[in-house]
Protein backbone atom coordinates (compact mmCIF):
# COMPACT_ATOMS: atom_id res chain seq x y z
CA MET A 1 69.60 81.59 99.28
CA ASN A 2 72.81 82.44 101.15
CA LYS A 3 75.99 83.01 99.17
CA LEU A 4 77.85 79.76 98.57
CA PRO A 5 81.49 79.00 97.87
CA GLU A 6 82.37 78.35 94.24
CA ARG A 7 82.87 74.65 94.99
CA ILE A 8 79.77 73.24 96.69
CA ARG A 9 80.51 70.91 99.60
CA ILE A 10 78.33 68.25 101.17
CA LYS A 11 77.98 70.39 104.27
CA ASP A 12 76.63 73.28 102.14
CA ILE A 13 73.92 71.05 100.69
CA ALA A 14 73.05 69.74 104.15
CA ARG A 15 72.71 73.29 105.50
CA LEU A 16 70.46 74.40 102.64
CA ALA A 17 68.24 71.30 102.91
CA ASN A 18 68.20 71.52 106.71
CA VAL A 19 69.34 67.91 107.06
CA SER A 20 72.47 66.18 108.32
CA VAL A 21 75.59 65.56 106.25
CA GLY A 22 74.89 61.84 106.63
CA THR A 23 71.46 62.28 105.07
CA VAL A 24 72.95 64.01 102.03
CA ASP A 25 75.54 61.26 101.72
CA ARG A 26 72.83 58.58 101.79
CA VAL A 27 70.82 60.39 99.11
CA LEU A 28 73.87 60.75 96.88
CA HIS A 29 74.67 57.05 97.24
CA GLY A 30 71.04 55.91 96.88
CA ARG A 31 71.01 54.27 100.29
CA SER A 32 68.00 53.71 102.54
CA GLY A 33 67.33 55.31 105.89
CA VAL A 34 66.13 58.67 104.55
CA SER A 35 62.57 59.95 104.88
CA GLU A 36 60.77 60.84 101.70
CA ALA A 37 60.51 64.49 102.77
CA SER A 38 64.24 64.76 103.46
CA ARG A 39 65.09 63.03 100.20
CA LYS A 40 62.93 65.46 98.24
CA ARG A 41 64.53 68.48 99.96
CA VAL A 42 68.03 67.24 99.18
CA GLU A 43 67.17 66.41 95.58
CA GLU A 44 65.61 69.86 95.09
CA ILE A 45 68.77 71.54 96.39
CA LEU A 46 70.92 69.36 94.11
CA LYS A 47 68.77 70.41 91.17
CA GLN A 48 68.93 74.12 92.06
CA LEU A 49 72.72 73.99 92.35
CA ASP A 50 73.16 71.94 89.17
CA TYR A 51 75.08 69.54 91.38
CA GLN A 52 76.61 66.49 89.72
CA PRO A 53 75.95 63.79 92.30
CA ASN A 54 77.40 60.88 90.38
CA MET A 55 80.78 62.54 89.99
CA TYR A 56 80.93 63.79 93.57
CA ALA A 57 79.51 60.61 95.03
CA SER A 58 82.12 58.57 93.20
CA ALA A 59 84.89 60.78 94.56
CA LEU A 60 83.49 60.56 98.07
CA ALA A 61 82.89 56.82 97.90
CA SER A 62 86.44 56.08 96.76
CA ASN A 63 87.79 57.43 100.05
CA LYS A 64 91.11 57.95 98.27
CA LYS A 65 93.55 60.38 99.83
CA TYR A 66 95.31 62.95 97.62
CA THR A 67 98.55 64.64 98.56
CA PHE A 68 99.65 67.73 96.65
CA ALA A 69 103.11 69.27 96.88
CA CYS A 70 103.62 73.03 96.62
CA LEU A 71 107.12 74.35 96.00
CA LEU A 72 107.37 78.11 96.62
CA PRO A 73 110.14 80.68 97.19
CA LYS A 74 111.26 81.34 100.75
CA HIS A 75 109.72 84.51 102.12
CA LEU A 76 109.02 86.46 105.26
CA GLU A 77 105.56 86.63 106.81
CA GLY A 78 103.54 89.34 105.12
CA GLU A 79 105.36 89.15 101.79
CA TYR A 80 103.76 88.22 98.46
CA TRP A 81 103.91 84.45 98.89
CA THR A 82 102.10 84.67 102.23
CA ASP A 83 98.90 85.49 100.34
CA VAL A 84 99.48 82.64 97.89
CA GLN A 85 99.66 80.27 100.86
CA LYS A 86 96.43 81.74 102.27
CA GLY A 87 94.70 80.76 99.03
CA ILE A 88 96.16 77.25 99.24
CA ARG A 89 94.88 76.81 102.79
CA GLU A 90 91.44 78.05 101.76
CA ALA A 91 91.33 75.47 98.94
CA VAL A 92 92.28 72.69 101.35
CA SER A 93 89.38 73.72 103.58
CA THR A 94 86.95 73.94 100.66
CA TYR A 95 87.86 70.46 99.40
CA SER A 96 88.17 68.88 102.83
CA ASP A 97 85.41 66.36 102.02
CA PHE A 98 87.68 64.78 99.42
CA ASN A 99 90.65 63.88 101.63
CA ILE A 100 93.20 66.27 100.14
CA SER A 101 96.30 67.51 101.90
CA VAL A 102 99.01 69.91 100.79
CA ASP A 103 102.68 69.87 101.73
CA ILE A 104 104.35 73.26 101.20
CA THR A 105 108.13 73.43 100.89
CA HIS A 106 110.36 76.38 100.07
CA TYR A 107 113.47 77.07 98.05
CA ASP A 108 115.89 79.99 97.93
CA PRO A 109 114.89 81.97 94.79
CA TYR A 110 118.43 83.31 94.45
CA ASP A 111 120.04 79.85 94.52
CA TYR A 112 119.28 77.53 91.61
CA ASN A 113 120.83 74.60 93.48
CA SER A 114 118.28 75.15 96.25
CA PHE A 115 115.47 74.70 93.75
CA ALA A 116 117.11 71.59 92.33
CA ALA A 117 117.59 69.98 95.75
CA THR A 118 114.10 70.83 96.97
CA SER A 119 112.46 69.62 93.76
CA ARG A 120 114.30 66.29 94.04
CA ALA A 121 112.94 65.93 97.56
CA VAL A 122 109.42 66.55 96.21
CA ILE A 123 109.90 63.83 93.59
CA GLU A 124 110.96 61.34 96.26
CA GLU A 125 107.64 61.85 98.04
CA ARG A 126 105.67 60.87 94.90
CA PRO A 127 102.77 63.33 95.39
CA ASP A 128 99.57 63.04 93.38
CA GLY A 129 100.01 66.55 91.96
CA VAL A 130 102.42 69.48 92.20
CA MET A 131 102.05 73.24 92.15
CA PHE A 132 105.22 75.33 92.00
CA ALA A 133 106.79 78.64 91.06
CA PRO A 134 109.30 77.87 88.29
CA THR A 135 112.89 79.02 88.24
CA ILE A 136 115.03 79.30 85.08
CA PRO A 137 114.19 76.78 82.30
CA GLN A 138 117.30 74.63 82.81
CA TYR A 139 116.40 73.71 86.39
CA THR A 140 112.65 73.77 85.84
CA LYS A 141 112.94 71.24 83.00
CA GLU A 142 114.84 68.76 85.16
CA PHE A 143 111.94 68.85 87.59
CA THR A 144 109.18 68.67 84.98
CA ASP A 145 110.92 65.84 83.11
CA ALA A 146 110.89 63.82 86.33
CA LEU A 147 107.23 64.69 86.97
CA ASN A 148 106.24 63.75 83.43
CA GLY A 149 108.12 60.47 83.74
CA LEU A 150 106.08 59.61 86.81
CA GLY A 151 102.80 60.84 85.34
CA ILE A 152 102.41 63.50 88.03
CA PRO A 153 100.45 66.58 86.82
CA TYR A 154 101.89 69.97 87.72
CA ILE A 155 100.79 73.58 87.75
CA TYR A 156 102.87 76.73 87.36
CA ILE A 157 102.11 79.73 89.53
CA ASP A 158 103.36 83.32 89.10
CA SER A 159 105.43 82.59 85.98
CA GLN A 160 105.50 79.99 83.25
CA ILE A 161 108.00 78.20 81.03
CA LYS A 162 106.27 78.08 77.66
CA ASP A 163 108.59 75.43 76.24
CA VAL A 164 107.62 73.10 79.10
CA PRO A 165 103.81 73.30 79.22
CA PRO A 166 102.08 72.44 82.52
CA LEU A 167 98.59 71.17 83.23
CA ALA A 168 97.73 74.81 84.00
CA PHE A 169 99.30 78.19 84.73
CA PHE A 170 98.02 80.93 87.05
CA GLY A 171 99.65 84.35 87.01
CA GLN A 172 99.82 87.64 85.18
CA ASN A 173 100.90 88.00 81.60
CA SER A 174 104.19 89.36 82.88
CA HIS A 175 105.35 90.80 79.55
CA GLN A 176 102.06 92.67 79.08
CA SER A 177 102.17 93.79 82.72
CA GLY A 178 105.58 95.36 82.21
CA TYR A 179 104.45 96.99 78.97
CA PHE A 180 101.45 98.45 80.78
CA ALA A 181 103.61 99.65 83.68
CA ALA A 182 105.87 101.54 81.26
CA ARG A 183 102.90 103.34 79.77
CA MET A 184 101.65 104.34 83.25
CA LEU A 185 105.08 105.56 84.33
CA MET A 186 105.51 107.70 81.23
CA LEU A 187 102.11 109.28 81.79
CA LEU A 188 103.52 110.44 85.13
CA ALA A 189 106.92 111.35 83.71
CA GLY A 190 105.62 113.72 81.05
CA ASN A 191 108.60 115.31 79.32
CA ASP A 192 111.25 113.91 81.67
CA ARG A 193 113.95 112.05 79.76
CA GLU A 194 115.41 109.93 82.55
CA ILE A 195 113.86 107.09 84.57
CA VAL A 196 115.30 104.44 86.86
CA ILE A 197 114.65 100.72 87.32
CA PHE A 198 115.24 99.53 90.90
CA ARG A 199 116.05 95.85 91.37
CA LYS A 200 116.66 93.49 94.28
CA ILE A 201 119.44 91.18 93.15
CA HIS A 202 121.91 88.67 94.56
CA GLU A 203 125.14 87.82 92.72
CA GLY A 204 123.53 88.61 89.38
CA VAL A 205 120.36 86.62 90.09
CA ILE A 206 117.03 88.49 90.14
CA GLY A 207 115.23 85.51 91.61
CA SER A 208 112.02 85.55 89.56
CA ASN A 209 111.11 84.84 85.94
CA GLN A 210 108.12 87.12 86.42
CA GLN A 211 110.32 90.13 87.24
CA GLU A 212 112.59 89.51 84.27
CA ASN A 213 109.65 89.24 81.87
CA ARG A 214 108.06 92.39 83.27
CA GLU A 215 111.26 94.28 82.56
CA ILE A 216 111.39 92.87 79.03
CA GLY A 217 107.85 94.13 78.39
CA PHE A 218 108.69 97.46 80.00
CA ARG A 219 111.72 97.98 77.78
CA GLN A 220 109.77 97.04 74.67
CA TYR A 221 107.28 99.81 75.34
CA MET A 222 110.10 102.26 75.95
CA ARG A 223 111.82 101.33 72.67
CA GLU A 224 108.58 101.71 70.74
CA HIS A 225 107.32 104.94 72.31
CA HIS A 226 110.19 106.68 74.12
CA PRO A 227 113.42 105.56 72.42
CA ASP A 228 115.28 108.70 73.56
CA CYS A 229 114.53 108.20 77.24
CA ASN A 230 117.58 107.27 79.30
CA ILE A 231 116.87 104.20 81.47
CA LEU A 232 119.09 104.03 84.53
CA GLU A 233 119.44 101.00 86.81
CA LEU A 234 120.10 100.56 90.52
CA ASP A 235 120.64 97.07 91.90
CA LEU A 236 119.96 96.85 95.61
CA HIS A 237 120.81 93.86 97.79
CA ALA A 238 118.34 90.98 97.68
CA ASP A 239 118.49 90.42 101.42
CA PRO A 240 117.47 93.13 103.91
CA ASN A 241 120.54 95.32 104.04
CA ILE A 242 121.46 98.52 105.81
CA GLU A 243 123.44 99.58 102.74
CA ASP A 244 120.27 100.17 100.71
CA ASN A 245 119.83 103.70 102.04
CA ARG A 246 123.47 104.56 101.34
CA MET A 247 123.16 103.20 97.80
CA LEU A 248 119.99 105.23 97.26
CA ASP A 249 121.69 108.35 98.67
CA ASP A 250 124.58 107.88 96.26
CA PHE A 251 122.26 107.31 93.32
CA PHE A 252 120.13 110.41 93.85
CA SER A 253 123.26 112.45 94.52
CA GLU A 254 124.70 111.37 91.16
CA HIS A 255 121.36 111.71 89.34
CA PRO A 256 119.51 114.64 90.95
CA LYS A 257 117.21 115.12 87.95
CA VAL A 258 115.68 111.63 88.10
CA LYS A 259 112.05 111.93 89.19
CA ASN A 260 110.53 108.65 87.94
CA GLY A 261 111.22 105.06 88.95
CA ILE A 262 109.83 101.54 88.97
CA THR A 263 110.55 98.20 90.58
CA PHE A 264 109.25 94.90 89.23
CA ASN A 265 109.39 92.98 92.50
CA SER A 266 107.05 93.19 95.48
CA LYS A 267 109.31 95.33 97.68
CA VAL A 268 108.71 98.84 96.41
CA TYR A 269 108.29 99.84 100.08
CA ILE A 270 112.10 99.85 100.39
CA ILE A 271 112.30 102.84 98.05
CA GLY A 272 109.02 104.35 99.27
CA GLU A 273 110.11 104.33 102.91
CA TYR A 274 113.47 105.79 101.91
CA LEU A 275 111.74 108.64 100.05
CA LYS A 276 109.62 109.37 103.12
CA MET A 277 112.65 109.37 105.42
CA ARG A 278 114.57 111.71 103.09
CA ARG A 279 111.45 113.85 102.49
CA LYS A 280 111.67 113.45 98.75
CA ASN A 281 108.16 114.34 97.65
CA ASN A 282 108.74 114.84 93.94
CA ILE A 283 109.46 111.25 92.83
CA ASN A 284 106.95 109.19 90.82
CA LEU A 285 107.27 105.54 91.79
CA ILE A 286 105.47 102.39 90.59
CA GLY A 287 105.64 98.96 92.22
CA TYR A 288 103.88 95.63 92.45
CA ASP A 289 101.70 93.80 94.97
CA LEU A 290 99.66 94.73 98.02
CA LEU A 291 102.03 94.11 100.89
CA GLU A 292 101.04 96.15 103.94
CA ARG A 293 104.16 98.29 103.71
CA ASN A 294 103.59 98.87 99.99
CA VAL A 295 100.02 99.98 100.68
CA ALA A 296 101.20 102.29 103.47
CA CYS A 297 103.61 103.98 101.04
CA LEU A 298 100.84 104.29 98.47
CA LYS A 299 98.55 106.03 100.97
CA GLU A 300 101.36 108.30 102.15
CA GLY A 301 102.14 109.31 98.56
CA THR A 302 105.70 107.97 98.23
CA VAL A 303 104.40 105.31 95.81
CA SER A 304 102.23 106.57 92.95
CA PHE A 305 100.76 103.30 91.64
CA LEU A 306 100.67 99.67 92.74
CA ILE A 307 99.93 96.87 90.29
CA ALA A 308 98.12 93.92 91.92
CA GLN A 309 97.51 90.36 90.71
CA GLN A 310 95.34 88.51 93.29
CA PRO A 311 97.88 86.05 94.74
CA GLU A 312 95.33 84.38 97.05
CA LEU A 313 93.19 83.47 94.05
CA GLN A 314 96.23 82.06 92.27
CA GLY A 315 96.94 79.75 95.20
CA PHE A 316 93.29 78.71 95.53
CA ASN A 317 92.75 78.07 91.83
CA SER A 318 95.92 76.02 91.53
CA ILE A 319 94.69 73.52 94.12
CA ARG A 320 91.17 73.62 92.73
CA THR A 321 92.51 72.73 89.28
CA LEU A 322 94.43 69.74 90.62
CA CYS A 323 91.18 68.58 92.27
CA ASP A 324 89.19 69.09 89.07
CA HIS A 325 91.74 67.12 87.06
CA LEU A 326 92.52 64.28 89.46
CA ILE A 327 89.36 63.83 91.52
CA PHE A 328 86.52 65.01 89.28
CA LYS A 329 88.12 64.11 85.92
CA LYS A 330 87.26 67.48 84.41
CA GLU A 331 88.96 69.24 81.55
CA VAL A 332 90.88 72.27 82.79
CA THR A 333 92.02 75.50 81.14
CA CYS A 334 95.78 75.60 80.61
CA THR A 335 96.55 79.33 80.60
CA ASN A 336 94.82 81.43 83.25
CA TYR A 337 95.97 85.04 83.27
CA MET A 338 95.29 87.14 86.35
CA PRO A 339 94.10 90.75 86.04
CA ILE A 340 96.52 93.67 85.89
CA ASP A 341 94.93 95.84 88.56
CA LEU A 342 96.17 99.45 88.87
CA LEU A 343 95.68 100.94 92.33
CA THR A 344 96.17 104.45 93.68
CA LYS A 345 95.68 106.04 97.07
CA GLU A 346 92.24 107.19 95.87
CA ASN A 347 90.90 103.68 95.13
CA ILE A 348 92.96 101.38 97.38
CA ASP A 349 90.38 101.39 100.19
CA TYR A 350 87.73 100.00 97.82
CA TYR A 351 89.83 97.12 96.53
CA ASN A 352 89.01 93.62 97.72
CA PHE A 353 92.35 92.48 99.11
CA SER A 354 91.10 89.00 99.98
CA LEU A 355 88.52 87.07 98.04
CA PHE A 356 87.91 84.76 100.98
CA ARG A 357 86.84 87.15 103.74
């Protein structure tokens, strides 16, 4: 039997039984107009797949349309959130038989008022379900209070607000991820007693709960295992900025002995490309996420490790969970941690970047 998608669609059953989609629909609904041979083939496939025809038939027969809202940070094509959106689109295709649609809107992650305004616009549309990347608790709670008041289920992606529990969360355990990253960096650092944390920041705002929690976990490991290590910080501009190279020049001029660094956002390529340009070949650098430019730096050796977290799967599973909850009336798992995948130039070519190819 050919490999099937995780969620079986009517068209998949029709293909396996070598009948039309209409024939499968008539079998599921117990209608006439189907030959005995075709009915037996469809029923055998349903049995093999452990298909639940009553549940699916009910969802199909209702002909109800479901609109989901996704609220994500603004980003450029090719950045982290691009892969999340690929997963969302794949889920929409997989569940196309059930009349779902997804409206994706974006907010400025460095402007809390942008999140507040965009979330209010989402509320006005009264979607059936919401998936979003939370900002700080104060502004997140305003949004979730409104959603709860309207009985709209919501899912967190990338980071979570534990005091405001969602229907489900998909993302890394960011604290544990940072703790793990510290251990990996210190394996590279050896006896060096200085390291640097690189940030992308705008007017004091980091722009991601995930990044902040990774740094908290990182610093916990350092306190527990390397309390004498001096942790330096360099805050680069959040927006693309020609001053980054000058700031990096100044930093390495002032701290020539620093050979180990980390960034908790997805733009480690900024430092990696700088190191290549300046021909600095003795810096150990760790970053997050498999952006093309990050991977290029990893292969060239200016980034030592990348930590990945399967963003496409996060996007796909978020929409799947809304479908399971609203359409199929299934119980869903609340906390869904993604793997903490450590990649090097030696194993990057064997990593499955996309689960939907």
